[in-house]
Amino acid sequence: MIADSTSAGRLIHILESRGGTSGSGTGIVLQHREALVYTLSKAAALEHLVMCQYLYAAFSMKDREDDGLPPEQLAAVKRWRKDIIGIAEQEMLHLALVQNVLTAVGAAPYLGRPNFPLPPHAYPAGIQMALLPFGETSLRHFAYLERPEDHEMADVDMFAALEKAAPLPAVHEDDIGPQMQDFATIGHMYRAIEAGLGKLVEKLGEPTLFLGPPAAQATEQHFRWEELVAVTDLASAQRALDTIVEQGEGARGDWHDAHFGRLIRILDEYLAIKTADPTFEPARPVVTAFVRRPEDGADVPIITDPFTSRCMDLLNAVYEVLLQILARYFAHTDETDDQLAVLADVAVGLMYVAIKPLGSLVTRLPIGTEFAGLTAGPSFELFYAVDYLLPHRDAAWAVIEERMRDVAELATRCRDSCAPLYMAPLIKVTDALRAQADRLAAAR
C-alpha cells in the first residue's frame, strides 16, 4: 500500500497549500506494522543524529572573553549559540515524539543510531549527516536538511557527489521484510509515515494499530514541552508528526519561525559580519576526533593527548547513561509516577549539568601533537551497538545507578589530573553526577 492522503491531518496538506503534490506522491510503501516500525526507527535515529549535529556546532562556538572576539562579535556568537542549542532542544522533543508513536503502535523505544562518520547507505543519498563546526558550511547544510519540500536548494560542496549514489531498490506490496526507502527531505519522510498510519488504520482498525499502553506515553507532566502529546490514536499521532515538521520546515509555507527560517537568519547575520571583517571566526578550530579506532575501521583522527582522551570518554559515558535512562523511561514496567519523574528529571539534568559543559570543554582541548593548533570536537561515540533497553526494573535501576557512579569516578579522575583552568567545570560535573546517582538510589 502506497501512502496517500486518506484520513490525513495538517501535515499532508502542507504541500497542497504550497501548490505541491499530495500525500499520494510520497512513493514510500508501508504495507504492514513491521515496515511502519522500521521507518519510525529510522526517523528516531535521524532525529538523534540531527540533534548531535546541532550540539556539535553549538559546542564549537566561542563563548568566552578569552576566545579573542571583540565584544560586539562575541555577543552575536553567544546569541547564535543560544539559538542553535534551542533548535537542538526541539530535536530532543522530536525524538521523544517519535518514541511516543513507536510505543503507541506496540514497538520498543529506539535510541540507537550509527556512529559518526555514518556508513554510506545509512540514509538516502539526499540525507547526509556530518559533525561540522559552526560556520557557513554547517549553516547551509542544516538549512538544506530542514528545508521545506518545495524549496529548491543545493547542499554544500562537501555533499556534491550525491547524484553518484546508487538508487535504493523499490519496495513492493508483497515484500515481507522492511527496508530503507528513498525520501528527499525530513518532511517527506514524516508525510509518508502519517499517510502510512492512515492506511494501516484502514487495514487493521484504529484500536488494533494503536495497541500500546497509554500509561507508557511521555508527556509534559514529566518533561518541559507542552507539545509532547500522548499518542493513543490516529489524531494524536498526526498532531505529533505535525509538530515535528512544522517546527523544522514550517507550517503551510510559513517557515520564518521554523528551524529553517531561524538558520537562514543566522546565516545572513554571519555573512554580514564576515563581509565586514574577513578575519571573523566564530568557532574554535575543532576536528571530530576519537579516543579509539571505530569497529568498522574508518580512518578518523585519534586523540593522543591523555587528558583530552579522558574527558572525551567522560562525555561519551555520560551520553551513554543518559540513553539508558531514557530507554528505561519509555519502556518502564511497574515504576511509580514519582520514579518516572526522577528518570525524566535525571535525564534532562544530565544534558545541562554534564553534557553541555563537557561538550564545550573538549572543544578547548588539544587532540595531540599530530594535530597542532586543532582542538577536539565531541564525537558522540556510542561505545558499542546496543539498544540501551534494560528490561527488568530492579536490575535496571541498579545497573543505571552503578554506571552513573562509574562515570562520576571517571569525572573525579579527570578533575584531579586537570590544569587549574579546567578545574571549576569539572568540579561541577563531578558533584552533579554524584547527586544524580544519589537521586536514583533514593528513588529505587
Protein backbone atom coordinates (compact mmCIF):
# COMPACT_ATOMS: atom_id res chain seq x y z
CA MET A 1 0.00 0.00 0.00
CA ILE A 2 1.47 3.29 -1.10
CA ALA A 3 0.99 6.16 1.35
CA ASP A 4 -1.68 8.66 0.34
CA SER A 5 -3.64 11.49 1.92
CA THR A 6 -6.56 9.41 3.21
CA SER A 7 -7.54 10.45 6.76
CA ALA A 8 -4.64 12.88 6.79
CA GLY A 9 -4.09 15.78 9.17
CA ARG A 10 -2.49 19.14 8.51
CA LEU A 11 0.88 17.63 7.60
CA ILE A 12 -0.40 16.04 4.39
CA HIS A 13 -1.91 19.35 3.30
CA ILE A 14 1.27 21.40 3.76
CA LEU A 15 2.41 20.61 0.24
CA GLU A 16 -1.05 21.20 -1.21
CA SER A 17 -1.16 24.66 0.36
CA ARG A 18 2.15 25.40 -1.39
CA GLY A 19 0.94 24.17 -4.73
CA GLY A 20 2.90 20.91 -4.40
CA THR A 21 1.78 17.31 -4.66
CA SER A 22 -0.44 15.48 -2.21
CA GLY A 23 0.49 12.58 0.04
CA SER A 24 -0.11 10.07 -2.73
CA GLY A 25 3.19 11.18 -4.21
CA THR A 26 5.35 10.08 -1.27
CA GLY A 27 6.44 6.92 -3.08
CA ILE A 28 7.04 5.15 0.24
CA VAL A 29 5.33 1.81 0.85
CA LEU A 30 4.29 1.00 4.43
CA GLN A 31 2.40 -2.22 3.87
CA HIS A 32 2.44 -3.68 7.40
CA ARG A 33 3.25 -2.80 11.01
CA GLU A 34 6.83 -4.00 10.68
CA ALA A 35 7.51 -1.58 7.83
CA LEU A 36 5.98 1.24 9.89
CA VAL A 37 8.09 0.39 12.96
CA TYR A 38 11.24 0.12 10.83
CA THR A 39 10.60 3.54 9.25
CA LEU A 40 9.79 5.12 12.62
CA SER A 41 13.05 3.68 13.99
CA LYS A 42 14.93 5.27 11.11
CA ALA A 43 13.14 8.54 11.89
CA ALA A 44 14.18 8.28 15.56
CA ALA A 45 17.82 7.69 14.62
CA LEU A 46 17.64 10.60 12.17
CA GLU A 47 16.35 13.00 14.85
CA HIS A 48 19.09 11.72 17.15
CA LEU A 49 21.77 12.35 14.53
CA VAL A 50 20.45 15.81 13.64
CA MET A 51 20.44 16.73 17.34
CA CYS A 52 24.11 15.66 17.61
CA GLN A 53 24.96 17.81 14.60
CA TYR A 54 23.42 20.90 16.20
CA LEU A 55 25.09 20.25 19.56
CA TYR A 56 28.47 19.78 17.88
CA ALA A 57 28.14 23.11 16.07
CA ALA A 58 26.99 24.87 19.26
CA PHE A 59 29.79 23.42 21.40
CA SER A 60 32.36 24.53 18.80
CA MET A 61 31.32 28.18 19.14
CA LYS A 62 33.40 30.68 21.06
CA ASP A 63 31.65 31.82 24.23
CA ARG A 64 34.36 33.25 26.49
CA GLU A 65 36.05 36.61 26.85
CA ASP A 66 39.43 34.95 26.24
CA ASP A 67 38.32 33.47 22.88
CA GLY A 68 39.69 36.51 21.06
CA LEU A 69 36.50 38.08 19.69
CA PRO A 70 35.66 41.78 20.17
CA PRO A 71 32.64 42.36 22.43
CA GLU A 72 30.09 43.01 19.67
CA GLN A 73 31.09 39.87 17.76
CA LEU A 74 31.13 37.76 20.93
CA ALA A 75 27.62 38.97 21.75
CA ALA A 76 26.40 37.90 18.29
CA VAL A 77 28.05 34.48 18.58
CA LYS A 78 26.54 33.91 22.03
CA ARG A 79 23.11 34.80 20.63
CA TRP A 80 23.54 32.36 17.74
CA ARG A 81 24.81 29.67 20.10
CA LYS A 82 21.72 30.02 22.26
CA ASP A 83 19.51 29.71 19.18
CA ILE A 84 21.35 26.62 17.89
CA ILE A 85 21.04 24.95 21.32
CA GLY A 86 17.35 25.86 21.30
CA ILE A 87 16.95 24.08 17.96
CA ALA A 88 18.81 21.06 19.36
CA GLU A 89 16.38 21.00 22.30
CA GLN A 90 13.46 20.88 19.87
CA GLU A 91 15.16 17.96 18.12
CA MET A 92 15.11 16.23 21.53
CA LEU A 93 11.36 16.90 21.62
CA HIS A 94 11.02 15.40 18.12
CA LEU A 95 12.96 12.32 19.25
CA ALA A 96 10.57 11.94 22.20
CA LEU A 97 7.52 12.33 19.95
CA VAL A 98 8.78 9.57 17.66
CA GLN A 99 9.27 7.34 20.73
CA ASN A 100 5.64 8.00 21.64
CA VAL A 101 4.46 6.92 18.20
CA LEU A 102 6.64 3.78 18.39
CA THR A 103 5.21 2.95 21.82
CA ALA A 104 1.66 3.59 20.59
CA VAL A 105 1.97 1.02 17.80
CA GLY A 106 3.41 -1.64 20.12
CA ALA A 107 7.14 -1.22 19.50
CA ALA A 108 10.08 -0.67 21.81
CA PRO A 109 11.77 2.73 22.11
CA TYR A 110 14.58 3.24 19.64
CA LEU A 111 17.56 5.25 20.88
CA GLY A 112 20.35 3.59 18.92
CA ARG A 113 21.97 5.14 15.89
CA PRO A 114 25.08 4.66 13.76
CA ASN A 115 28.25 6.34 14.93
CA PHE A 116 29.84 9.18 13.00
CA PRO A 117 31.14 9.02 10.34
CA LEU A 118 27.98 7.37 9.05
CA PRO A 119 28.15 4.33 6.78
CA PRO A 120 27.42 5.22 3.13
CA HIS A 121 23.93 3.73 2.98
CA ALA A 122 22.60 4.69 6.40
CA TYR A 123 20.08 7.05 4.77
CA PRO A 124 19.04 8.01 1.24
CA ALA A 125 21.63 9.89 -0.78
CA GLY A 126 19.95 13.27 -0.23
CA ILE A 127 20.10 12.97 3.58
CA GLN A 128 23.73 13.38 4.59
CA MET A 129 24.99 13.72 8.17
CA ALA A 130 28.31 15.08 9.39
CA LEU A 131 29.69 16.73 12.52
CA LEU A 132 30.64 20.23 11.36
CA PRO A 133 31.86 23.25 13.34
CA PHE A 134 29.72 26.36 13.27
CA GLY A 135 30.17 28.42 10.12
CA GLU A 136 28.83 28.98 6.64
CA THR A 137 29.24 25.34 5.61
CA SER A 138 27.33 23.94 8.60
CA LEU A 139 24.59 26.59 8.44
CA ARG A 140 23.94 25.90 4.76
CA HIS A 141 23.93 22.16 5.43
CA PHE A 142 21.49 22.48 8.35
CA ALA A 143 19.19 24.71 6.30
CA TYR A 144 19.27 22.15 3.50
CA LEU A 145 18.21 19.38 5.88
CA GLU A 146 15.39 21.46 7.34
CA ARG A 147 14.21 22.96 4.04
CA PRO A 148 10.53 22.87 3.07
CA GLU A 149 9.78 20.27 0.44
CA ASP A 150 9.04 22.83 -2.27
CA HIS A 151 12.18 24.86 -1.54
CA GLU A 152 14.91 24.26 -4.11
CA MET A 153 18.39 24.27 -2.56
CA ALA A 154 21.72 22.62 -3.14
CA ASP A 155 23.61 21.14 -0.22
CA VAL A 156 27.12 22.36 0.46
CA ASP A 157 30.01 21.35 -1.77
CA MET A 158 31.15 18.55 0.54
CA PHE A 159 27.99 16.65 -0.41
CA ALA A 160 28.14 17.46 -4.11
CA ALA A 161 28.58 13.82 -5.12
CA LEU A 162 25.05 12.84 -4.10
CA GLU A 163 23.97 12.19 -7.68
CA LYS A 164 26.60 9.45 -7.91
CA ALA A 165 24.97 7.39 -5.16
CA ALA A 166 23.22 4.20 -6.22
CA PRO A 167 19.41 4.42 -6.04
CA LEU A 168 17.62 2.45 -3.33
CA PRO A 169 15.73 -0.65 -4.51
CA ALA A 170 11.95 -0.40 -4.88
CA VAL A 171 9.66 -1.81 -2.19
CA HIS A 172 6.59 -3.79 -3.25
CA GLU A 173 3.26 -4.56 -1.61
CA ASP A 174 4.09 -8.23 -1.07
CA ASP A 175 7.52 -7.69 0.49
CA ILE A 176 7.52 -9.16 3.98
CA GLY A 177 10.73 -7.53 5.15
CA PRO A 178 11.08 -3.75 5.58
CA GLN A 179 13.99 -1.80 4.13
CA MET A 180 15.24 1.72 3.68
CA GLN A 181 13.18 3.68 1.16
CA ASP A 182 14.05 6.89 -0.62
CA PHE A 183 12.93 10.27 0.70
CA ALA A 184 14.09 13.70 -0.35
CA THR A 185 13.58 15.67 2.87
CA ILE A 186 12.81 15.03 6.53
CA GLY A 187 9.30 16.38 5.93
CA HIS A 188 8.82 13.94 3.06
CA MET A 189 9.61 11.03 5.39
CA TYR A 190 7.13 12.17 8.04
CA ARG A 191 4.45 12.85 5.46
CA ALA A 192 4.79 9.26 4.28
CA ILE A 193 4.68 7.95 7.87
CA GLU A 194 1.47 9.86 8.50
CA ALA A 195 -0.15 8.59 5.33
CA GLY A 196 1.01 5.05 6.14
CA LEU A 197 -0.59 5.30 9.57
CA GLY A 198 -3.87 6.25 7.91
CA LYS A 199 -3.69 3.29 5.53
CA LEU A 200 -2.87 0.85 8.33
CA VAL A 201 -5.83 2.16 10.32
CA GLU A 202 -8.00 1.32 7.31
CA LYS A 203 -6.46 -2.16 7.13
CA LEU A 204 -6.26 -3.08 10.83
CA GLY A 205 -8.61 -0.70 12.61
CA GLU A 206 -7.54 2.07 14.97
CA PRO A 207 -7.66 0.05 18.24
CA THR A 208 -5.59 -2.74 16.67
CA LEU A 209 -2.91 -0.41 15.29
CA PHE A 210 -2.63 1.77 18.41
CA LEU A 211 -2.37 -1.03 20.95
CA GLY A 212 0.45 0.33 23.09
CA PRO A 213 -0.30 1.14 26.76
CA PRO A 214 -1.35 4.81 27.16
CA ALA A 215 0.43 4.96 30.53
CA ALA A 216 3.78 4.47 28.72
CA GLN A 217 3.46 7.75 26.85
CA ALA A 218 5.79 10.65 27.66
CA THR A 219 4.03 13.98 28.20
CA GLU A 220 4.71 17.44 29.56
CA GLN A 221 3.90 16.05 33.02
CA HIS A 222 7.48 14.81 33.26
CA PHE A 223 9.18 16.85 30.54
CA ARG A 224 9.11 20.56 29.83
CA TRP A 225 7.48 20.55 26.38
CA GLU A 226 3.78 21.30 26.11
CA GLU A 227 3.95 19.92 22.56
CA LEU A 228 4.86 16.46 23.90
CA VAL A 229 1.46 14.86 23.33
CA ALA A 230 0.43 11.35 24.28
CA VAL A 231 -0.14 9.26 21.16
CA THR A 232 -3.13 6.93 21.53
CA ASP A 233 -4.91 7.16 18.17
CA LEU A 234 -4.54 8.47 14.63
CA ALA A 235 -5.45 12.05 15.50
CA SER A 236 -2.83 12.33 18.26
CA ALA A 237 -0.22 10.66 16.05
CA GLN A 238 -0.97 13.28 13.39
CA ARG A 239 -0.52 16.06 15.96
CA ALA A 240 2.87 14.63 16.97
CA LEU A 241 4.07 14.45 13.38
CA ASP A 242 2.68 17.91 12.61
CA THR A 243 4.77 19.35 15.45
CA ILE A 244 7.96 17.76 14.14
CA VAL A 245 7.55 19.05 10.60
CA GLU A 246 6.17 22.46 11.49
CA GLN A 247 8.99 23.21 13.91
CA GLY A 248 11.54 22.07 11.34
CA GLU A 249 10.38 23.39 7.98
CA GLY A 250 7.33 25.47 8.92
CA ALA A 251 3.60 25.04 8.60
CA ARG A 252 1.70 25.86 5.41
CA GLY A 253 4.68 27.55 3.82
CA ASP A 254 5.35 29.90 6.76
CA TRP A 255 8.91 28.84 7.54
CA HIS A 256 10.19 32.08 9.06
CA ASP A 257 9.95 30.97 12.71
CA ALA A 258 10.74 27.31 12.00
CA HIS A 259 14.26 25.86 12.19
CA PHE A 260 14.75 26.63 8.51
CA GLY A 261 13.96 30.33 8.93
CA ARG A 262 15.99 30.69 12.11
CA LEU A 263 19.02 29.13 10.41
CA ILE A 264 18.67 31.42 7.40
CA ARG A 265 18.60 34.47 9.68
CA ILE A 266 21.74 33.31 11.50
CA LEU A 267 23.43 32.70 8.15
CA ASP A 268 22.53 36.20 6.93
CA GLU A 269 23.93 37.78 10.11
CA TYR A 270 27.07 35.64 9.94
CA LEU A 271 27.73 36.61 6.32
CA ALA A 272 27.21 40.29 7.11
CA ILE A 273 29.81 40.21 9.89
CA LYS A 274 32.19 38.11 7.79
CA THR A 275 31.90 40.57 4.91
CA ALA A 276 32.69 43.50 7.21
CA ASP A 277 35.54 41.60 8.90
CA PRO A 278 37.04 38.76 6.81
CA THR A 279 39.10 37.65 9.84
CA PHE A 280 35.93 36.88 11.84
CA GLU A 281 35.98 33.28 13.08
CA PRO A 282 33.19 32.36 15.50
CA ALA A 283 34.22 28.73 16.07
CA ARG A 284 37.18 27.08 17.69
CA PRO A 285 39.41 25.00 15.35
CA VAL A 286 37.66 21.73 16.17
CA VAL A 287 38.15 18.39 14.45
CA THR A 288 35.99 15.37 15.16
CA ALA A 289 38.42 13.07 16.96
CA PHE A 290 38.05 9.68 18.62
CA VAL A 291 39.60 8.01 21.63
CA ARG A 292 39.91 4.65 19.83
CA ARG A 293 39.60 3.26 16.34
CA PRO A 294 35.99 2.61 15.25
CA GLU A 295 34.94 -1.02 14.89
CA ASP A 296 34.26 -0.50 11.19
CA GLY A 297 37.86 0.55 10.60
CA ALA A 298 37.01 4.09 9.46
CA ASP A 299 40.06 6.32 9.10
CA VAL A 300 39.48 9.00 11.75
CA PRO A 301 41.70 11.30 13.83
CA ILE A 302 42.72 9.64 17.11
CA ILE A 303 43.25 11.66 20.29
CA THR A 304 46.72 11.19 21.74
CA ASP A 305 46.60 13.83 24.48
CA PRO A 306 45.87 11.85 27.70
CA PHE A 307 43.71 14.47 29.42
CA THR A 308 41.66 15.15 26.29
CA SER A 309 41.16 11.42 25.78
CA ARG A 310 39.87 11.02 29.32
CA CYS A 311 37.49 13.98 29.01
CA MET A 312 36.12 12.69 25.70
CA ASP A 313 35.46 9.29 27.26
CA LEU A 314 33.72 11.05 30.13
CA LEU A 315 31.45 12.96 27.76
CA ASN A 316 30.55 9.81 25.83
CA ALA A 317 29.96 7.80 29.00
CA VAL A 318 27.53 10.42 30.33
CA TYR A 319 25.80 10.36 26.97
CA GLU A 320 25.54 6.55 27.17
CA VAL A 321 23.96 6.51 30.63
CA LEU A 322 21.54 9.26 29.55
CA LEU A 323 20.31 6.95 26.75
CA GLN A 324 19.92 4.09 29.24
CA ILE A 325 17.76 6.29 31.45
CA LEU A 326 15.59 7.44 28.54
CA ALA A 327 15.14 3.86 27.33
CA ARG A 328 14.03 2.85 30.83
CA TYR A 329 11.59 5.74 30.94
CA PHE A 330 9.98 4.91 27.61
CA ALA A 331 9.84 1.15 28.27
CA HIS A 332 9.16 1.12 32.01
CA THR A 333 7.17 -1.61 33.70
CA ASP A 334 5.80 -1.01 37.19
CA GLU A 335 7.60 2.22 38.10
CA THR A 336 5.55 4.67 40.15
CA ASP A 337 4.78 8.12 38.82
CA ASP A 338 7.36 9.53 41.24
CA GLN A 339 10.01 7.14 39.90
CA LEU A 340 9.19 8.12 36.32
CA ALA A 341 9.54 11.76 37.31
CA VAL A 342 13.01 11.02 38.71
CA LEU A 343 14.08 9.28 35.49
CA ALA A 344 12.88 12.25 33.43
CA ASP A 345 14.50 14.81 35.74
CA VAL A 346 17.83 12.99 35.81
CA ALA A 347 17.86 12.59 32.02
CA VAL A 348 17.16 16.27 31.40
CA GLY A 349 19.54 17.27 34.17
CA LEU A 350 22.42 15.33 32.63
CA MET A 351 22.05 17.33 29.43
CA TYR A 352 22.56 20.62 31.25
CA VAL A 353 24.87 19.77 34.15
CA ALA A 354 27.19 17.36 32.35
CA ILE A 355 26.89 17.04 28.57
CA LYS A 356 26.66 20.77 27.87
CA PRO A 357 29.71 21.81 29.97
CA LEU A 358 31.75 18.78 28.86
CA GLY A 359 30.87 19.39 25.21
CA SER A 360 32.17 22.94 25.49
CA LEU A 361 35.23 21.84 27.47
CA VAL A 362 36.55 19.30 24.95
CA THR A 363 36.46 21.89 22.15
CA ARG A 364 39.15 23.79 24.06
CA LEU A 365 41.44 20.75 24.45
CA PRO A 366 44.25 19.65 22.09
CA ILE A 367 43.99 16.46 20.07
CA GLY A 368 47.70 15.75 20.11
CA THR A 369 51.00 16.66 18.52
CA GLU A 370 49.93 15.41 15.07
CA PHE A 371 47.14 18.00 15.04
CA ALA A 372 48.92 21.04 16.38
CA GLY A 373 46.66 24.06 16.78
CA LEU A 374 43.46 21.99 16.48
CA THR A 375 41.06 21.04 19.26
CA ALA A 376 38.79 18.06 19.80
CA GLY A 377 35.22 18.14 18.59
CA PRO A 378 32.83 15.89 20.56
CA SER A 379 32.45 12.58 18.73
CA PHE A 380 29.18 11.47 20.40
CA GLU A 381 30.62 8.00 20.15
CA LEU A 382 28.46 5.08 21.26
CA PHE A 383 30.86 2.53 22.70
CA TYR A 384 29.17 -0.47 21.12
CA ALA A 385 25.96 -1.39 19.32
CA VAL A 386 23.28 -1.75 22.00
CA ASP A 387 19.62 -0.80 22.26
CA TYR A 388 20.04 0.57 25.83
CA LEU A 389 16.88 -1.21 26.98
CA LEU A 390 17.28 -2.78 30.43
CA PRO A 391 14.11 -4.89 30.75
CA HIS A 392 13.85 -5.78 34.45
CA ARG A 393 13.03 -2.92 36.81
CA ASP A 394 15.12 -3.70 39.91
CA ALA A 395 18.12 -4.76 37.85
CA ALA A 396 17.72 -1.78 35.50
CA TRP A 397 17.75 0.78 38.29
CA ALA A 398 20.73 -0.91 39.95
CA VAL A 399 22.72 -1.06 36.69
CA ILE A 400 21.96 2.57 35.81
CA GLU A 401 22.98 3.78 39.27
CA GLU A 402 26.15 1.68 39.15
CA ARG A 403 27.06 3.11 35.75
CA MET A 404 26.38 6.64 36.96
CA ARG A 405 28.79 6.15 39.87
CA ASP A 406 31.40 4.70 37.50
CA VAL A 407 31.06 7.83 35.38
CA ALA A 408 31.27 10.06 38.47
CA GLU A 409 34.50 8.31 39.44
CA LEU A 410 35.92 8.95 35.97
CA ALA A 411 34.92 12.61 36.35
CA THR A 412 36.82 12.69 39.64
CA ARG A 413 39.96 11.34 37.96
CA CYS A 414 39.61 13.94 35.22
CA ARG A 415 39.24 16.69 37.78
CA ASP A 416 42.24 15.52 39.81
CA SER A 417 44.53 15.48 36.75
CA CYS A 418 43.43 18.69 35.03
CA ALA A 419 45.05 22.08 34.74
CA PRO A 420 43.64 24.82 37.03
CA LEU A 421 41.91 26.38 34.00
CA TYR A 422 39.54 23.41 33.74
CA MET A 423 39.09 22.67 37.43
CA ALA A 424 35.87 24.64 38.01
CA PRO A 425 33.70 23.00 35.33
CA LEU A 426 34.95 19.52 36.20
CA ILE A 427 34.20 20.01 39.90
CA LYS A 428 30.63 20.98 38.97
CA VAL A 429 30.26 17.97 36.67
CA THR A 430 31.63 15.58 39.32
CA ASP A 431 29.29 16.92 42.00
CA ALA A 432 26.32 16.83 39.63
CA LEU A 433 26.93 13.21 38.60
CA ARG A 434 27.15 12.08 42.22
CA ALA A 435 23.99 13.99 43.09
CA GLN A 436 22.11 12.40 40.20
CA ALA A 437 23.31 8.92 41.22
CA ASP A 438 22.07 9.63 44.76
CA ARG A 439 18.65 10.62 43.35
CA LEU A 440 18.41 7.32 41.51
CA ALA A 441 19.42 5.39 44.63
CA ALA A 442 16.85 7.18 46.78
CA ALA A 443 14.06 6.53 44.27
CA ARG A 444 14.67 2.77 43.84
